[in-house]
Amino acid sequence: VRFLTFNIWFSQHEMRRRMAAIGDIMLLKAPDMVALQEMTGEHWQICQEHPAFAQYTWSSPATRGYYTMIGSRVPFLSQPSRREFEVTRMGRDLLH
């Protein structure tokens, strides 16, 4: 099993280039599972423009703050769920 994880850095700095580079690495390394930390709605929208992301089944994005996304080449038996931390300013949660 090949696993690839990135803290994508939720900054706007070079966002499109960074998301494209992650997609390129996914195509090159062909991991079975991918975890992306510090994802935002805007980042996720850009990621979906890259063909690498279409090769995976993804967890659902969170509705606020930044979050983690998990992608798998094999469909999930059940959709991962989120549990928000009780005390967080950034909308952090646990994906399980």
PDB file of N, CA and C in Angstrom:
ATOM      1  N   VAL A   1       0.849  -1.178   0.000  1.00  0.00           N
ATOM      2  CA  VAL A   1       0.000   0.000   0.000  1.00  0.00           C
ATOM      3  C   VAL A   1       0.889   1.234   0.000  1.00  0.00           C
ATOM      4  N   ARG A   2       0.634   2.123  -0.918  1.00  0.00           N
ATOM      5  CA  ARG A   2       1.385   3.378  -0.997  1.00  0.00           C
ATOM      6  C   ARG A   2       0.505   4.507  -0.478  1.00  0.00           C
ATOM      7  N   PHE A   3       1.067   5.275   0.439  1.00  0.00           N
ATOM      8  CA  PHE A   3       0.330   6.357   1.080  1.00  0.00           C
ATOM      9  C   PHE A   3       1.100   7.651   0.875  1.00  0.00           C
ATOM     10  N   LEU A   4       0.416   8.704   0.467  1.00  0.00           N
ATOM     11  CA  LEU A   4       1.033  10.013   0.240  1.00  0.00           C
ATOM     12  C   LEU A   4       0.274  11.048   1.052  1.00  0.00           C
ATOM     13  N   THR A   5       0.999  11.873   1.793  1.00  0.00           N
ATOM     14  CA  THR A   5       0.343  12.912   2.575  1.00  0.00           C
ATOM     15  C   THR A   5       1.067  14.238   2.383  1.00  0.00           C
ATOM     16  N   PHE A   6       0.288  15.305   2.334  1.00  0.00           N
ATOM     17  CA  PHE A   6       0.829  16.657   2.213  1.00  0.00           C
ATOM     18  C   PHE A   6       0.097  17.585   3.161  1.00  0.00           C
ATOM     19  N   ASN A   7       0.844  18.433   3.835  1.00  0.00           N
ATOM     20  CA  ASN A   7       0.259  19.607   4.464  1.00  0.00           C
ATOM     21  C   ASN A   7       0.357  20.660   3.375  1.00  0.00           C
ATOM     22  N   ILE A   8      -0.760  21.000   2.764  1.00  0.00           N
ATOM     23  CA  ILE A   8      -0.717  21.823   1.553  1.00  0.00           C
ATOM     24  C   ILE A   8      -0.500  23.304   1.818  1.00  0.00           C
ATOM     25  N   TRP A   9      -0.529  23.708   3.087  1.00  0.00           N
ATOM     26  CA  TRP A   9      -0.293  25.108   3.473  1.00  0.00           C
ATOM     27  C   TRP A   9      -1.405  25.978   2.909  1.00  0.00           C
ATOM     28  N   PHE A  10      -2.357  26.336   3.737  1.00  0.00           N
ATOM     29  CA  PHE A  10      -3.564  27.020   3.273  1.00  0.00           C
ATOM     30  C   PHE A  10      -3.345  28.442   2.773  1.00  0.00           C
ATOM     31  N   SER A  11      -2.113  28.914   2.691  1.00  0.00           N
ATOM     32  CA  SER A  11      -1.806  30.247   2.175  1.00  0.00           C
ATOM     33  C   SER A  11      -2.209  30.373   0.697  1.00  0.00           C
ATOM     34  N   GLN A  12      -2.473  31.593   0.276  1.00  0.00           N
ATOM     35  CA  GLN A  12      -2.782  31.881  -1.125  1.00  0.00           C
ATOM     36  C   GLN A  12      -1.519  31.914  -1.997  1.00  0.00           C
ATOM     37  N   HIS A  13      -0.349  31.994  -1.380  1.00  0.00           N
ATOM     38  CA  HIS A  13       0.917  32.132  -2.109  1.00  0.00           C
ATOM     39  C   HIS A  13       1.109  30.970  -3.092  1.00  0.00           C
ATOM     40  N   GLU A  14       1.168  31.278  -4.385  1.00  0.00           N
ATOM     41  CA  GLU A  14       1.411  30.288  -5.445  1.00  0.00           C
ATOM     42  C   GLU A  14       0.458  29.091  -5.356  1.00  0.00           C
ATOM     43  N   MET A  15      -0.779  29.354  -4.935  1.00  0.00           N
ATOM     44  CA  MET A  15      -1.715  28.254  -4.678  1.00  0.00           C
ATOM     45  C   MET A  15      -1.931  27.362  -5.898  1.00  0.00           C
ATOM     46  N   ARG A  16      -2.204  27.939  -7.036  1.00  0.00           N
ATOM     47  CA  ARG A  16      -2.462  27.125  -8.236  1.00  0.00           C
ATOM     48  C   ARG A  16      -1.261  26.263  -8.602  1.00  0.00           C
ATOM     49  N   ARG A  17      -0.085  26.828  -8.531  1.00  0.00           N
ATOM     50  CA  ARG A  17       1.131  26.058  -8.850  1.00  0.00           C
ATOM     51  C   ARG A  17       1.354  24.944  -7.843  1.00  0.00           C
ATOM     52  N   ARG A  18       1.096  25.227  -6.571  1.00  0.00           N
ATOM     53  CA  ARG A  18       1.285  24.196  -5.539  1.00  0.00           C
ATOM     54  C   ARG A  18       0.300  23.043  -5.731  1.00  0.00           C
ATOM     55  N   MET A  19      -0.965  23.356  -6.009  1.00  0.00           N
ATOM     56  CA  MET A  19      -1.971  22.304  -6.183  1.00  0.00           C
ATOM     57  C   MET A  19      -1.675  21.478  -7.438  1.00  0.00           C
ATOM     58  N   ALA A  20      -1.219  22.140  -8.507  1.00  0.00           N
ATOM     59  CA  ALA A  20      -0.842  21.414  -9.726  1.00  0.00           C
ATOM     60  C   ALA A  20       0.353  20.502  -9.459  1.00  0.00           C
ATOM     61  N   ALA A  21       1.313  20.974  -8.679  1.00  0.00           N
ATOM     62  CA  ALA A  21       2.489  20.161  -8.351  1.00  0.00           C
ATOM     63  C   ALA A  21       2.090  18.928  -7.542  1.00  0.00           C
ATOM     64  N   ILE A  22       1.154  19.089  -6.617  1.00  0.00           N
ATOM     65  CA  ILE A  22       0.679  17.934  -5.848  1.00  0.00           C
ATOM     66  C   ILE A  22       0.015  16.926  -6.787  1.00  0.00           C
ATOM     67  N   GLY A  23      -0.803  17.401  -7.710  1.00  0.00           N
ATOM     68  CA  GLY A  23      -1.419  16.508  -8.689  1.00  0.00           C
ATOM     69  C   GLY A  23      -0.379  15.795  -9.533  1.00  0.00           C
ATOM     70  N   ASP A  24       0.659  16.508  -9.957  1.00  0.00           N
ATOM     71  CA  ASP A  24       1.732  15.890 -10.744  1.00  0.00           C
ATOM     72  C   ASP A  24       2.436  14.796  -9.944  1.00  0.00           C
ATOM     73  N   ILE A  25       2.688  15.047  -8.677  1.00  0.00           N
ATOM     74  CA  ILE A  25       3.334  14.044  -7.817  1.00  0.00           C
ATOM     75  C   ILE A  25       2.421  12.832  -7.646  1.00  0.00           C
ATOM     76  N   MET A  26       1.133  13.074  -7.509  1.00  0.00           N
ATOM     77  CA  MET A  26       0.193  11.956  -7.402  1.00  0.00           C
ATOM     78  C   MET A  26       0.239  11.088  -8.662  1.00  0.00           C
ATOM     79  N   LEU A  27       0.301  11.705  -9.837  1.00  0.00           N
ATOM     80  CA  LEU A  27       0.400  10.936 -11.082  1.00  0.00           C
ATOM     81  C   LEU A  27       1.707  10.160 -11.144  1.00  0.00           C
ATOM     82  N   LEU A  28       2.787  10.773 -10.715  1.00  0.00           N
ATOM     83  CA  LEU A  28       4.106  10.144 -10.766  1.00  0.00           C
ATOM     84  C   LEU A  28       4.230   8.985  -9.784  1.00  0.00           C
ATOM     85  N   LYS A  29       3.780   9.178  -8.562  1.00  0.00           N
ATOM     86  CA  LYS A  29       3.967   8.179  -7.499  1.00  0.00           C
ATOM     87  C   LYS A  29       2.836   7.156  -7.420  1.00  0.00           C
ATOM     88  N   ALA A  30       1.668   7.485  -7.944  1.00  0.00           N
ATOM     89  CA  ALA A  30       0.499   6.595  -7.962  1.00  0.00           C
ATOM     90  C   ALA A  30       0.204   5.964  -6.601  1.00  0.00           C
ATOM     91  N   PRO A  31       0.015   6.792  -5.558  1.00  0.00           N
ATOM     92  CA  PRO A  31      -0.289   6.215  -4.241  1.00  0.00           C
ATOM     93  C   PRO A  31      -1.686   5.589  -4.217  1.00  0.00           C
ATOM     94  N   ASP A  32      -1.863   4.637  -3.305  1.00  0.00           N
ATOM     95  CA  ASP A  32      -3.175   4.021  -3.117  1.00  0.00           C
ATOM     96  C   ASP A  32      -4.104   4.933  -2.328  1.00  0.00           C
ATOM     97  N   MET A  33      -3.509   5.684  -1.398  1.00  0.00           N
ATOM     98  CA  MET A  33      -4.278   6.622  -0.574  1.00  0.00           C
ATOM     99  C   MET A  33      -3.531   7.941  -0.485  1.00  0.00           C
ATOM    100  N   VAL A  34      -4.308   9.035  -0.382  1.00  0.00           N
ATOM    101  CA  VAL A  34      -3.743  10.382  -0.287  1.00  0.00           C
ATOM    102  C   VAL A  34      -4.439  11.109   0.858  1.00  0.00           C
ATOM    103  N   ALA A  35      -3.664  11.821   1.668  1.00  0.00           N
ATOM    104  CA  ALA A  35      -4.227  12.686   2.708  1.00  0.00           C
ATOM    105  C   ALA A  35      -3.707  14.095   2.469  1.00  0.00           C
ATOM    106  N   LEU A  36      -4.601  15.060   2.433  1.00  0.00           N
ATOM    107  CA  LEU A  36      -4.240  16.460   2.219  1.00  0.00           C
ATOM    108  C   LEU A  36      -4.714  17.267   3.415  1.00  0.00           C
ATOM    109  N   GLN A  37      -3.772  17.896   4.102  1.00  0.00           N
ATOM    110  CA  GLN A  37      -4.071  18.680   5.300  1.00  0.00           C
ATOM    111  C   GLN A  37      -4.132  20.163   4.958  1.00  0.00           C
ATOM    112  N   GLU A  38      -4.905  20.906   5.716  1.00  0.00           N
ATOM    113  CA  GLU A  38      -5.090  22.359   5.564  1.00  0.00           C
ATOM    114  C   GLU A  38      -5.786  22.721   4.260  1.00  0.00           C
ATOM    115  N   MET A  39      -6.654  21.854   3.792  1.00  0.00           N
ATOM    116  CA  MET A  39      -7.444  22.102   2.588  1.00  0.00           C
ATOM    117  C   MET A  39      -8.532  23.133   2.899  1.00  0.00           C
ATOM    118  N   THR A  40      -8.834  23.975   1.926  1.00  0.00           N
ATOM    119  CA  THR A  40      -9.977  24.893   2.018  1.00  0.00           C
ATOM    120  C   THR A  40     -10.865  24.630   0.802  1.00  0.00           C
ATOM    121  N   GLY A  41     -12.046  25.209   0.793  1.00  0.00           N
ATOM    122  CA  GLY A  41     -12.930  25.048  -0.357  1.00  0.00           C
ATOM    123  C   GLY A  41     -12.289  25.521  -1.648  1.00  0.00           C
ATOM    124  N   GLU A  42     -11.577  26.627  -1.579  1.00  0.00           N
ATOM    125  CA  GLU A  42     -10.910  27.161  -2.774  1.00  0.00           C
ATOM    126  C   GLU A  42      -9.808  26.221  -3.250  1.00  0.00           C
ATOM    127  N   HIS A  43      -9.012  25.696  -2.320  1.00  0.00           N
ATOM    128  CA  HIS A  43      -7.969  24.737  -2.696  1.00  0.00           C
ATOM    129  C   HIS A  43      -8.594  23.506  -3.356  1.00  0.00           C
ATOM    130  N   TRP A  44      -9.651  22.987  -2.737  1.00  0.00           N
ATOM    131  CA  TRP A  44     -10.284  21.776  -3.253  1.00  0.00           C
ATOM    132  C   TRP A  44     -10.830  22.004  -4.662  1.00  0.00           C
ATOM    133  N   GLN A  45     -11.403  23.152  -4.915  1.00  0.00           N
ATOM    134  CA  GLN A  45     -11.921  23.470  -6.246  1.00  0.00           C
ATOM    135  C   GLN A  45     -10.791  23.448  -7.278  1.00  0.00           C
ATOM    136  N   ILE A  46      -9.658  24.016  -6.938  1.00  0.00           N
ATOM    137  CA  ILE A  46      -8.505  24.029  -7.847  1.00  0.00           C
ATOM    138  C   ILE A  46      -7.965  22.617  -8.051  1.00  0.00           C
ATOM    139  N   CYS A  47      -7.879  21.836  -6.985  1.00  0.00           N
ATOM    140  CA  CYS A  47      -7.377  20.464  -7.092  1.00  0.00           C
ATOM    141  C   CYS A  47      -8.206  19.643  -8.071  1.00  0.00           C
ATOM    142  N   GLN A  48      -9.494  19.845  -8.069  1.00  0.00           N
ATOM    143  CA  GLN A  48     -10.373  19.054  -8.927  1.00  0.00           C
ATOM    144  C   GLN A  48     -10.166  19.341 -10.412  1.00  0.00           C
ATOM    145  N   GLU A  49      -9.445  20.396 -10.735  1.00  0.00           N
ATOM    146  CA  GLU A  49      -9.127  20.705 -12.131  1.00  0.00           C
ATOM    147  C   GLU A  49      -8.013  19.807 -12.664  1.00  0.00           C
ATOM    148  N   HIS A  50      -7.257  19.165 -11.773  1.00  0.00           N
ATOM    149  CA  HIS A  50      -6.129  18.315 -12.175  1.00  0.00           C
ATOM    150  C   HIS A  50      -6.619  16.879 -12.365  1.00  0.00           C
ATOM    151  N   PRO A  51      -6.236  16.219 -13.465  1.00  0.00           N
ATOM    152  CA  PRO A  51      -6.739  14.861 -13.731  1.00  0.00           C
ATOM    153  C   PRO A  51      -6.373  13.828 -12.664  1.00  0.00           C
ATOM    154  N   ALA A  52      -5.316  14.034 -11.922  1.00  0.00           N
ATOM    155  CA  ALA A  52      -4.919  13.061 -10.898  1.00  0.00           C
ATOM    156  C   ALA A  52      -6.001  12.885  -9.841  1.00  0.00           C
ATOM    157  N   PHE A  53      -6.695  13.957  -9.503  1.00  0.00           N
ATOM    158  CA  PHE A  53      -7.677  13.897  -8.422  1.00  0.00           C
ATOM    159  C   PHE A  53      -8.909  13.082  -8.811  1.00  0.00           C
ATOM    160  N   ALA A  54      -9.184  12.966 -10.107  1.00  0.00           N
ATOM    161  CA  ALA A  54     -10.333  12.186 -10.571  1.00  0.00           C
ATOM    162  C   ALA A  54     -10.104  10.679 -10.429  1.00  0.00           C
ATOM    163  N   GLN A  55      -8.880  10.262 -10.164  1.00  0.00           N
ATOM    164  CA  GLN A  55      -8.561   8.844 -10.031  1.00  0.00           C
ATOM    165  C   GLN A  55      -8.857   8.304  -8.633  1.00  0.00           C
ATOM    166  N   TYR A  56      -9.373   9.149  -7.747  1.00  0.00           N
ATOM    167  CA  TYR A  56      -9.593   8.772  -6.349  1.00  0.00           C
ATOM    168  C   TYR A  56     -11.029   9.046  -5.934  1.00  0.00           C
ATOM    169  N   THR A  57     -11.487   8.269  -4.961  1.00  0.00           N
ATOM    170  CA  THR A  57     -12.724   8.566  -4.249  1.00  0.00           C
ATOM    171  C   THR A  57     -12.312   9.403  -3.051  1.00  0.00           C
ATOM    172  N   TRP A  58     -12.981  10.542  -2.832  1.00  0.00           N
ATOM    173  CA  TRP A  58     -12.563  11.484  -1.787  1.00  0.00           C
ATOM    174  C   TRP A  58     -13.587  11.592  -0.669  1.00  0.00           C
ATOM    175  N   SER A  59     -13.077  11.851   0.521  1.00  0.00           N
ATOM    176  CA  SER A  59     -13.955  12.191   1.638  1.00  0.00           C
ATOM    177  C   SER A  59     -14.661  13.499   1.293  1.00  0.00           C
ATOM    178  N   SER A  60     -15.771  13.742   1.928  1.00  0.00           N
ATOM    179  CA  SER A  60     -16.507  14.985   1.689  1.00  0.00           C
ATOM    180  C   SER A  60     -15.777  16.164   2.320  1.00  0.00           C
ATOM    181  N   PRO A  61     -15.755  17.309   1.646  1.00  0.00           N
ATOM    182  CA  PRO A  61     -15.121  18.485   2.249  1.00  0.00           C
ATOM    183  C   PRO A  61     -15.939  19.001   3.431  1.00  0.00           C
ATOM    184  N   ALA A  62     -15.256  19.637   4.358  1.00  0.00           N
ATOM    185  CA  ALA A  62     -15.932  20.264   5.498  1.00  0.00           C
ATOM    186  C   ALA A  62     -16.637  21.528   5.015  1.00  0.00           C
ATOM    187  N   THR A  63     -17.496  22.057   5.832  1.00  0.00           N
ATOM    188  CA  THR A  63     -18.267  23.232   5.434  1.00  0.00           C
ATOM    189  C   THR A  63     -17.657  24.541   5.907  1.00  0.00           C
ATOM    190  N   ARG A  64     -16.623  24.479   6.762  1.00  0.00           N
ATOM    191  CA  ARG A  64     -16.025  25.733   7.237  1.00  0.00           C
ATOM    192  C   ARG A  64     -14.560  25.502   7.578  1.00  0.00           C
ATOM    193  N   GLY A  65     -13.834  26.592   7.741  1.00  0.00           N
ATOM    194  CA  GLY A  65     -12.430  26.510   8.147  1.00  0.00           C
ATOM    195  C   GLY A  65     -11.577  25.776   7.136  1.00  0.00           C
ATOM    196  N   TYR A  66     -10.520  25.194   7.620  1.00  0.00           N
ATOM    197  CA  TYR A  66      -9.723  24.327   6.768  1.00  0.00           C
ATOM    198  C   TYR A  66      -9.786  22.933   7.344  1.00  0.00           C
ATOM    199  N   TYR A  67      -9.455  21.960   6.523  1.00  0.00           N
ATOM    200  CA  TYR A  67      -9.757  20.582   6.883  1.00  0.00           C
ATOM    201  C   TYR A  67      -8.816  19.624   6.178  1.00  0.00           C
ATOM    202  N   THR A  68      -8.984  18.343   6.463  1.00  0.00           N
ATOM    203  CA  THR A  68      -8.220  17.270   5.840  1.00  0.00           C
ATOM    204  C   THR A  68      -9.123  16.544   4.850  1.00  0.00           C
ATOM    205  N   MET A  69      -8.545  16.156   3.728  1.00  0.00           N
ATOM    206  CA  MET A  69      -9.248  15.331   2.744  1.00  0.00           C
ATOM    207  C   MET A  69      -8.479  14.024   2.608  1.00  0.00           C
ATOM    208  N   ILE A  70      -9.207  12.930   2.473  1.00  0.00           N
ATOM    209  CA  ILE A  70      -8.590  11.631   2.238  1.00  0.00           C
ATOM    210  C   ILE A  70      -9.120  11.103   0.914  1.00  0.00           C
ATOM    211  N   GLY A  71      -8.192  10.651   0.071  1.00  0.00           N
ATOM    212  CA  GLY A  71      -8.559  10.058  -1.206  1.00  0.00           C
ATOM    213  C   GLY A  71      -8.080   8.625  -1.274  1.00  0.00           C
ATOM    214  N   SER A  72      -8.867   7.768  -1.914  1.00  0.00           N
ATOM    215  CA  SER A  72      -8.529   6.352  -2.036  1.00  0.00           C
ATOM    216  C   SER A  72      -8.809   5.880  -3.455  1.00  0.00           C
ATOM    217  N   ARG A  73      -7.918   5.067  -3.988  1.00  0.00           N
ATOM    218  CA  ARG A  73      -8.159   4.484  -5.310  1.00  0.00           C
ATOM    219  C   ARG A  73      -9.315   3.479  -5.258  1.00  0.00           C
ATOM    220  N   VAL A  74      -9.499   2.852  -4.098  1.00  0.00           N
ATOM    221  CA  VAL A  74     -10.599   1.904  -3.896  1.00  0.00           C
ATOM    222  C   VAL A  74     -11.713   2.654  -3.166  1.00  0.00           C
ATOM    223  N   PRO A  75     -12.941   2.585  -3.635  1.00  0.00           N
ATOM    224  CA  PRO A  75     -14.025   3.315  -2.956  1.00  0.00           C
ATOM    225  C   PRO A  75     -14.137   2.933  -1.476  1.00  0.00           C
ATOM    226  N   PHE A  76     -14.501   3.898  -0.652  1.00  0.00           N
ATOM    227  CA  PHE A  76     -14.693   3.664   0.778  1.00  0.00           C
ATOM    228  C   PHE A  76     -15.887   2.732   0.994  1.00  0.00           C
ATOM    229  N   LEU A  77     -15.794   1.867   2.009  1.00  0.00           N
ATOM    230  CA  LEU A  77     -16.952   1.054   2.387  1.00  0.00           C
ATOM    231  C   LEU A  77     -18.042   1.938   2.975  1.00  0.00           C
ATOM    232  N   SER A  78     -17.614   2.968   3.713  1.00  0.00           N
ATOM    233  CA  SER A  78     -18.537   3.992   4.206  1.00  0.00           C
ATOM    234  C   SER A  78     -17.789   5.321   4.188  1.00  0.00           C
ATOM    235  N   GLN A  79     -18.516   6.382   3.940  1.00  0.00           N
ATOM    236  CA  GLN A  79     -17.910   7.717   3.851  1.00  0.00           C
ATOM    237  C   GLN A  79     -17.291   8.097   5.201  1.00  0.00           C
ATOM    238  N   PRO A  80     -16.014   8.515   5.209  1.00  0.00           N
ATOM    239  CA  PRO A  80     -15.423   9.000   6.464  1.00  0.00           C
ATOM    240  C   PRO A  80     -16.254  10.152   7.025  1.00  0.00           C
ATOM    241  N   SER A  81     -16.315  10.237   8.333  1.00  0.00           N
ATOM    242  CA  SER A  81     -17.090  11.308   8.965  1.00  0.00           C
ATOM    243  C   SER A  81     -16.160  12.248   9.721  1.00  0.00           C
ATOM    244  N   ARG A  82     -16.675  13.420  10.031  1.00  0.00           N
ATOM    245  CA  ARG A  82     -15.903  14.454  10.718  1.00  0.00           C
ATOM    246  C   ARG A  82     -16.459  14.685  12.108  1.00  0.00           C
ATOM    247  N   ARG A  83     -15.552  14.918  13.032  1.00  0.00           N
ATOM    248  CA  ARG A  83     -15.943  15.327  14.380  1.00  0.00           C
ATOM    249  C   ARG A  83     -15.165  16.592  14.700  1.00  0.00           C
ATOM    250  N   GLU A  84     -15.880  17.682  14.870  1.00  0.00           N
ATOM    251  CA  GLU A  84     -15.223  18.963  15.163  1.00  0.00           C
ATOM    252  C   GLU A  84     -14.632  18.945  16.563  1.00  0.00           C
ATOM    253  N   PHE A  85     -13.459  19.546  16.687  1.00  0.00           N
ATOM    254  CA  PHE A  85     -12.867  19.716  18.007  1.00  0.00           C
ATOM    255  C   PHE A  85     -13.725  20.702  18.788  1.00  0.00           C
ATOM    256  N   GLU A  86     -13.848  20.472  20.066  1.00  0.00           N
ATOM    257  CA  GLU A  86     -14.692  21.340  20.894  1.00  0.00           C
ATOM    258  C   GLU A  86     -14.154  22.762  20.977  1.00  0.00           C
ATOM    259  N   VAL A  87     -12.839  22.894  21.029  1.00  0.00           N
ATOM    260  CA  VAL A  87     -12.228  24.220  21.150  1.00  0.00           C
ATOM    261  C   VAL A  87     -11.287  24.409  19.961  1.00  0.00           C
ATOM    262  N   THR A  88     -11.721  25.223  18.999  1.00  0.00           N
ATOM    263  CA  THR A  88     -10.891  25.509  17.838  1.00  0.00           C
ATOM    264  C   THR A  88     -11.312  26.839  17.233  1.00  0.00           C
ATOM    265  N   ARG A  89     -10.336  27.632  16.856  1.00  0.00           N
ATOM    266  CA  ARG A  89     -10.627  28.903  16.181  1.00  0.00           C
ATOM    267  C   ARG A  89     -10.644  28.742  14.670  1.00  0.00           C
ATOM    268  N   MET A  90     -10.007  27.695  14.184  1.00  0.00           N
ATOM    269  CA  MET A  90      -9.842  27.511  12.746  1.00  0.00           C
ATOM    270  C   MET A  90     -10.793  26.464  12.162  1.00  0.00           C
ATOM    271  N   GLY A  91     -11.727  25.964  12.946  1.00  0.00           N
ATOM    272  CA  GLY A  91     -12.661  24.967  12.431  1.00  0.00           C
ATOM    273  C   GLY A  91     -12.033  23.595  12.269  1.00  0.00           C
ATOM    274  N   ARG A  92     -11.025  23.290  13.056  1.00  0.00           N
ATOM    275  CA  ARG A  92     -10.348  22.002  12.930  1.00  0.00           C
ATOM    276  C   ARG A  92     -11.275  20.857  13.323  1.00  0.00           C
ATOM    277  N   ASP A  93     -11.011  19.705  12.695  1.00  0.00           N
ATOM    278  CA  ASP A  93     -11.814  18.529  13.003  1.00  0.00           C
ATOM    279  C   ASP A  93     -10.984  17.262  12.865  1.00  0.00           C
ATOM    280  N   LEU A  94     -11.580  16.158  13.250  1.00  0.00           N
ATOM    281  CA  LEU A  94     -10.973  14.841  13.129  1.00  0.00           C
ATOM    282  C   LEU A  94     -11.745  14.096  12.058  1.00  0.00           C
ATOM    283  N   LEU A  95     -11.040  13.572  11.093  1.00  0.00           N
ATOM    284  CA  LEU A  95     -11.665  12.799  10.022  1.00  0.00           C
ATOM    285  C   LEU A  95     -11.455  11.329  10.348  1.00  0.00           C
ATOM    286  N   HIS A  96     -12.542  10.590  10.475  1.00  0.00           N
ATOM    287  CA  HIS A  96     -12.413   9.164  10.824  1.00  0.00           C
ATOM    288  C   HIS A  96     -13.443   8.328  10.099  1.00  0.00           C
TER     289      HIS A  96
END
